[in-house]
């Protein structure tokens, strides 16, 4: 059984994630399409996720392209891909924490009346 190189795994994950995002139902928020399934009312997290996914994809493609001829540069590109995919997963974990706890309602704290 052959082990898949890390950059090829990141490339595959980023590629599939983009096509999954394209299939999700979307809502326009401030002129931007935001998926309603995962990123409901959180367009900034969605943009952060897309940015991290874009860097992960770019780093993986550059690593695959440069790994034989320029291994030192490819190593830096692989690092970019790894850090970026960790950032994308971090955004998804943050969303999971926001939706599973009351942290998703922190913006509504200003509407409460405090009795002292």
N, C-alpha and C. Protein backbone atom coordinates (compact mmCIF):
# COMPACT_ATOMS: atom_id res chain seq x y z
N UNK A 1 0.84 -1.18 0.00
CA UNK A 1 0.00 0.00 0.00
C UNK A 1 0.89 1.24 0.00
N UNK A 2 0.67 2.12 -0.97
CA UNK A 2 1.48 3.32 -1.11
C UNK A 2 0.90 4.45 -0.26
N UNK A 3 1.77 5.15 0.42
CA UNK A 3 1.35 6.29 1.24
C UNK A 3 1.26 7.52 0.34
N UNK A 4 0.16 8.23 0.44
CA UNK A 4 -0.05 9.43 -0.37
C UNK A 4 0.73 10.58 0.25
N UNK A 5 1.50 11.32 -0.58
CA UNK A 5 2.21 12.49 -0.04
C UNK A 5 1.23 13.53 0.51
N UNK A 6 1.68 14.24 1.52
CA UNK A 6 0.84 15.20 2.22
C UNK A 6 0.28 16.27 1.29
N UNK A 7 1.10 16.76 0.37
CA UNK A 7 0.63 17.81 -0.53
C UNK A 7 -0.47 17.32 -1.47
N UNK A 8 -0.42 16.06 -1.85
CA UNK A 8 -1.48 15.50 -2.70
C UNK A 8 -2.77 15.32 -1.90
N UNK A 9 -2.65 14.97 -0.63
CA UNK A 9 -3.82 14.86 0.23
C UNK A 9 -4.47 16.22 0.45
N UNK A 10 -3.67 17.24 0.70
CA UNK A 10 -4.20 18.59 0.88
C UNK A 10 -4.84 19.08 -0.41
N UNK A 11 -4.21 18.81 -1.54
CA UNK A 11 -4.78 19.17 -2.84
C UNK A 11 -6.16 18.54 -3.00
N UNK A 12 -6.28 17.27 -2.70
CA UNK A 12 -7.57 16.58 -2.84
C UNK A 12 -8.63 17.13 -1.90
N UNK A 13 -8.25 17.38 -0.66
CA UNK A 13 -9.21 17.91 0.32
C UNK A 13 -9.70 19.29 -0.11
N UNK A 14 -8.78 20.15 -0.52
CA UNK A 14 -9.17 21.50 -0.94
C UNK A 14 -10.03 21.46 -2.19
N UNK A 15 -9.70 20.59 -3.12
CA UNK A 15 -10.45 20.47 -4.37
C UNK A 15 -11.88 20.02 -4.09
N UNK A 16 -12.03 19.00 -3.26
CA UNK A 16 -13.37 18.49 -2.93
C UNK A 16 -14.15 19.52 -2.12
N UNK A 17 -13.49 20.20 -1.20
CA UNK A 17 -14.17 21.20 -0.37
C UNK A 17 -14.76 22.32 -1.21
N UNK A 18 -14.06 22.75 -2.25
CA UNK A 18 -14.57 23.81 -3.11
C UNK A 18 -15.83 23.34 -3.84
N UNK A 19 -15.82 22.13 -4.34
CA UNK A 19 -17.00 21.63 -5.04
C UNK A 19 -18.17 21.39 -4.09
N UNK A 20 -17.90 21.03 -2.86
CA UNK A 20 -18.97 20.90 -1.87
C UNK A 20 -19.57 22.27 -1.57
N UNK A 21 -18.72 23.28 -1.42
CA UNK A 21 -19.20 24.64 -1.15
C UNK A 21 -20.08 25.14 -2.30
N UNK A 22 -19.69 24.81 -3.53
CA UNK A 22 -20.48 25.24 -4.68
C UNK A 22 -21.88 24.61 -4.71
N UNK A 23 -22.04 23.45 -4.08
CA UNK A 23 -23.33 22.76 -4.09
C UNK A 23 -24.24 23.19 -2.93
N UNK A 24 -23.71 23.87 -1.94
CA UNK A 24 -24.51 24.27 -0.78
C UNK A 24 -25.46 25.41 -1.14
N UNK A 25 -26.64 25.45 -0.50
CA UNK A 25 -27.53 26.59 -0.73
C UNK A 25 -26.90 27.86 -0.15
N UNK A 26 -27.12 28.96 -0.86
CA UNK A 26 -26.48 30.21 -0.46
C UNK A 26 -27.50 31.32 -0.24
N UNK A 27 -27.07 32.32 0.54
CA UNK A 27 -27.87 33.50 0.80
C UNK A 27 -26.97 34.72 0.58
N UNK A 28 -27.51 35.76 -0.03
CA UNK A 28 -26.73 36.98 -0.25
C UNK A 28 -26.70 37.82 1.02
N UNK A 29 -25.49 38.09 1.51
CA UNK A 29 -25.29 38.95 2.68
C UNK A 29 -24.32 40.04 2.24
N UNK A 30 -24.79 41.27 2.21
CA UNK A 30 -23.98 42.42 1.79
C UNK A 30 -23.36 42.21 0.41
N UNK A 31 -24.12 41.62 -0.49
CA UNK A 31 -23.65 41.42 -1.84
C UNK A 31 -22.76 40.21 -2.05
N UNK A 32 -22.55 39.41 -1.01
CA UNK A 32 -21.72 38.21 -1.11
C UNK A 32 -22.57 36.97 -0.87
N UNK A 33 -22.36 35.93 -1.66
CA UNK A 33 -23.06 34.67 -1.45
C UNK A 33 -22.38 33.90 -0.33
N UNK A 34 -23.15 33.56 0.70
CA UNK A 34 -22.63 32.83 1.85
C UNK A 34 -23.47 31.58 2.03
N UNK A 35 -22.85 30.39 2.14
CA UNK A 35 -23.62 29.16 2.35
C UNK A 35 -24.41 29.23 3.66
N UNK A 36 -25.68 28.85 3.59
CA UNK A 36 -26.53 28.92 4.77
C UNK A 36 -26.42 27.70 5.66
N UNK A 37 -25.85 26.63 5.17
CA UNK A 37 -25.77 25.40 5.95
C UNK A 37 -24.77 25.53 7.09
N UNK A 38 -23.60 25.98 6.81
CA UNK A 38 -22.54 26.01 7.81
C UNK A 38 -22.25 27.43 8.31
N UNK A 39 -22.26 28.38 7.40
CA UNK A 39 -21.80 29.74 7.72
C UNK A 39 -22.95 30.72 7.85
N UNK A 40 -24.05 30.31 8.44
CA UNK A 40 -25.21 31.17 8.58
C UNK A 40 -24.86 32.43 9.35
N UNK A 41 -25.10 33.58 8.73
CA UNK A 41 -24.87 34.90 9.33
C UNK A 41 -23.44 35.11 9.81
N UNK A 42 -22.48 34.41 9.22
CA UNK A 42 -21.07 34.58 9.57
C UNK A 42 -20.23 34.70 8.30
N UNK A 43 -20.47 35.77 7.52
CA UNK A 43 -19.73 35.88 6.26
C UNK A 43 -18.22 36.07 6.45
N UNK A 44 -17.80 36.68 7.53
CA UNK A 44 -16.36 36.88 7.73
C UNK A 44 -15.65 35.54 7.96
N UNK A 45 -16.30 34.62 8.68
CA UNK A 45 -15.70 33.30 8.86
C UNK A 45 -15.67 32.53 7.54
N UNK A 46 -16.70 32.71 6.73
CA UNK A 46 -16.72 32.07 5.43
C UNK A 46 -15.58 32.58 4.55
N UNK A 47 -15.36 33.90 4.56
CA UNK A 47 -14.27 34.46 3.77
C UNK A 47 -12.91 34.00 4.29
N UNK A 48 -12.77 33.90 5.60
CA UNK A 48 -11.53 33.37 6.17
C UNK A 48 -11.30 31.92 5.77
N UNK A 49 -12.38 31.13 5.77
CA UNK A 49 -12.28 29.73 5.36
C UNK A 49 -11.85 29.63 3.90
N UNK A 50 -12.48 30.44 3.03
CA UNK A 50 -12.12 30.41 1.61
C UNK A 50 -10.68 30.85 1.38
N UNK A 51 -10.24 31.86 2.10
CA UNK A 51 -8.87 32.33 1.96
C UNK A 51 -7.87 31.24 2.38
N UNK A 52 -8.13 30.60 3.50
CA UNK A 52 -7.25 29.52 3.96
C UNK A 52 -7.26 28.36 2.98
N UNK A 53 -8.44 28.03 2.46
CA UNK A 53 -8.55 26.95 1.48
C UNK A 53 -7.80 27.29 0.20
N UNK A 54 -7.87 28.54 -0.22
CA UNK A 54 -7.16 28.98 -1.41
C UNK A 54 -5.65 28.87 -1.22
N UNK A 55 -5.13 29.32 -0.07
CA UNK A 55 -3.70 29.20 0.19
C UNK A 55 -3.28 27.74 0.29
N UNK A 56 -4.11 26.89 0.89
CA UNK A 56 -3.78 25.47 0.99
C UNK A 56 -3.69 24.84 -0.39
N UNK A 57 -4.66 25.14 -1.24
CA UNK A 57 -4.67 24.61 -2.59
C UNK A 57 -3.45 25.10 -3.38
N UNK A 58 -3.17 26.39 -3.30
CA UNK A 58 -2.04 26.97 -4.02
C UNK A 58 -0.72 26.38 -3.54
N UNK A 59 -0.56 26.27 -2.23
CA UNK A 59 0.67 25.68 -1.68
C UNK A 59 0.85 24.23 -2.10
N UNK A 60 -0.24 23.47 -2.13
CA UNK A 60 -0.16 22.07 -2.53
C UNK A 60 0.19 21.94 -4.01
N UNK A 61 -0.43 22.74 -4.86
CA UNK A 61 -0.14 22.68 -6.30
C UNK A 61 1.30 23.09 -6.57
N UNK A 62 1.76 24.13 -5.89
CA UNK A 62 3.14 24.56 -6.09
C UNK A 62 4.12 23.50 -5.61
N UNK A 63 3.80 22.84 -4.50
CA UNK A 63 4.67 21.78 -4.00
C UNK A 63 4.75 20.63 -4.99
N UNK A 64 3.60 20.22 -5.53
CA UNK A 64 3.58 19.13 -6.50
C UNK A 64 4.38 19.51 -7.74
N UNK A 65 4.28 20.76 -8.15
CA UNK A 65 4.99 21.22 -9.35
C UNK A 65 6.50 21.35 -9.15
N UNK A 66 6.92 21.72 -7.96
CA UNK A 66 8.32 22.06 -7.72
C UNK A 66 9.12 21.01 -6.95
N UNK A 67 8.50 19.95 -6.46
CA UNK A 67 9.17 19.06 -5.52
C UNK A 67 10.37 18.31 -6.11
N UNK A 68 10.40 18.05 -7.38
CA UNK A 68 11.53 17.31 -7.95
C UNK A 68 12.67 18.24 -8.36
N UNK A 69 12.31 19.37 -8.94
CA UNK A 69 13.34 20.27 -9.45
C UNK A 69 13.89 21.23 -8.40
N UNK A 70 13.01 21.71 -7.54
CA UNK A 70 13.40 22.69 -6.51
C UNK A 70 12.87 22.23 -5.15
N UNK A 71 13.50 21.24 -4.55
CA UNK A 71 12.97 20.67 -3.30
C UNK A 71 12.93 21.65 -2.12
N UNK A 72 13.88 22.60 -2.08
CA UNK A 72 13.89 23.55 -0.97
C UNK A 72 12.69 24.49 -1.05
N UNK A 73 12.40 25.01 -2.24
CA UNK A 73 11.23 25.87 -2.42
C UNK A 73 9.96 25.08 -2.19
N UNK A 74 9.94 23.83 -2.65
CA UNK A 74 8.77 22.97 -2.46
C UNK A 74 8.49 22.75 -0.98
N UNK A 75 9.54 22.67 -0.18
CA UNK A 75 9.36 22.48 1.26
C UNK A 75 8.64 23.68 1.88
N UNK A 76 8.97 24.90 1.45
CA UNK A 76 8.28 26.09 1.94
C UNK A 76 6.83 26.12 1.47
N UNK A 77 6.60 25.71 0.25
CA UNK A 77 5.23 25.66 -0.27
C UNK A 77 4.40 24.62 0.47
N UNK A 78 5.02 23.50 0.82
CA UNK A 78 4.32 22.48 1.60
C UNK A 78 3.97 23.03 2.98
N UNK A 79 4.87 23.79 3.56
CA UNK A 79 4.58 24.42 4.85
C UNK A 79 3.41 25.38 4.76
N UNK A 80 3.35 26.16 3.67
CA UNK A 80 2.22 27.05 3.45
C UNK A 80 0.93 26.26 3.35
N UNK A 81 0.96 25.14 2.60
CA UNK A 81 -0.23 24.32 2.44
C UNK A 81 -0.70 23.73 3.77
N UNK A 82 0.23 23.25 4.56
CA UNK A 82 -0.12 22.64 5.85
C UNK A 82 -0.70 23.68 6.81
N UNK A 83 -0.03 24.82 6.93
CA UNK A 83 -0.52 25.87 7.83
C UNK A 83 -1.90 26.36 7.39
N UNK A 84 -2.10 26.48 6.09
CA UNK A 84 -3.38 26.97 5.58
C UNK A 84 -4.50 25.96 5.78
N UNK A 85 -4.24 24.68 5.57
CA UNK A 85 -5.30 23.69 5.76
C UNK A 85 -5.63 23.57 7.25
N UNK A 86 -4.64 23.75 8.10
CA UNK A 86 -4.91 23.76 9.55
C UNK A 86 -5.77 24.97 9.90
N UNK A 87 -5.51 26.10 9.26
CA UNK A 87 -6.34 27.29 9.47
C UNK A 87 -7.77 27.08 9.01
N UNK A 88 -7.95 26.42 7.87
CA UNK A 88 -9.30 26.15 7.36
C UNK A 88 -10.05 25.21 8.31
N UNK A 89 -9.37 24.19 8.79
CA UNK A 89 -10.00 23.27 9.76
C UNK A 89 -10.28 24.02 11.06
N UNK A 90 -9.40 24.93 11.43
CA UNK A 90 -9.62 25.74 12.64
C UNK A 90 -10.88 26.59 12.53
N UNK A 91 -11.13 27.15 11.35
CA UNK A 91 -12.36 27.93 11.15
C UNK A 91 -13.59 27.02 11.31
N UNK A 92 -13.52 25.81 10.76
CA UNK A 92 -14.66 24.89 10.90
C UNK A 92 -14.87 24.47 12.35
N UNK A 93 -13.78 24.25 13.08
CA UNK A 93 -13.89 23.90 14.51
C UNK A 93 -14.47 25.08 15.28
N UNK A 94 -14.03 26.30 14.96
CA UNK A 94 -14.56 27.50 15.61
C UNK A 94 -16.07 27.61 15.37
N UNK A 95 -16.50 27.34 14.13
CA UNK A 95 -17.93 27.37 13.82
C UNK A 95 -18.69 26.31 14.60
N UNK A 96 -18.09 25.13 14.74
CA UNK A 96 -18.74 24.07 15.51
C UNK A 96 -18.88 24.48 16.97
N UNK A 97 -17.86 25.13 17.52
CA UNK A 97 -17.94 25.60 18.90
C UNK A 97 -18.98 26.71 19.06
N UNK A 98 -19.04 27.61 18.07
CA UNK A 98 -20.02 28.68 18.13
C UNK A 98 -21.44 28.15 18.09
N UNK A 99 -21.67 27.16 17.26
CA UNK A 99 -23.03 26.65 17.11
C UNK A 99 -23.42 25.71 18.23
N UNK A 100 -22.46 25.08 18.90
CA UNK A 100 -22.80 24.13 19.95
C UNK A 100 -22.89 24.77 21.34
N UNK A 101 -22.41 26.00 21.47
CA UNK A 101 -22.48 26.68 22.76
C UNK A 101 -23.28 27.97 22.60
N UNK A 102 -23.39 28.69 23.66
CA UNK A 102 -24.10 29.96 23.61
C UNK A 102 -23.24 31.07 23.02
N UNK A 103 -22.00 30.76 22.60
CA UNK A 103 -21.12 31.78 22.06
C UNK A 103 -21.67 32.38 20.78
N UNK A 104 -22.55 31.66 20.09
CA UNK A 104 -23.14 32.18 18.88
C UNK A 104 -24.06 33.35 19.14
N UNK A 105 -24.48 33.54 20.37
CA UNK A 105 -25.41 34.60 20.72
C UNK A 105 -24.73 35.74 21.46
N UNK A 106 -23.41 35.80 21.42
CA UNK A 106 -22.68 36.84 22.12
C UNK A 106 -23.05 38.22 21.58
N UNK A 107 -23.33 38.31 20.29
CA UNK A 107 -23.67 39.61 19.72
C UNK A 107 -25.00 40.13 20.25
N UNK A 108 -25.82 39.29 20.84
CA UNK A 108 -27.11 39.71 21.38
C UNK A 108 -27.01 40.18 22.82
N UNK A 109 -25.82 40.20 23.40
CA UNK A 109 -25.67 40.59 24.80
C UNK A 109 -26.06 42.04 25.03
N UNK A 110 -25.91 42.88 24.03
CA UNK A 110 -26.26 44.29 24.20
C UNK A 110 -27.76 44.51 24.36
N UNK A 111 -28.56 43.53 23.99
CA UNK A 111 -30.01 43.68 24.07
C UNK A 111 -30.56 43.32 25.46
N UNK A 112 -29.72 42.78 26.32
CA UNK A 112 -30.19 42.37 27.63
C UNK A 112 -30.11 43.52 28.63
N UNK A 113 -31.03 43.51 29.55
CA UNK A 113 -31.03 44.50 30.62
C UNK A 113 -30.44 43.85 31.86
N UNK A 114 -29.42 44.46 32.41
CA UNK A 114 -28.77 43.92 33.59
C UNK A 114 -29.33 44.60 34.84
N UNK A 115 -29.60 43.81 35.83
CA UNK A 115 -30.09 44.33 37.11
C UNK A 115 -28.96 44.23 38.10
N UNK A 116 -28.62 45.35 38.72
CA UNK A 116 -27.51 45.31 39.69
C UNK A 116 -28.02 45.58 41.08
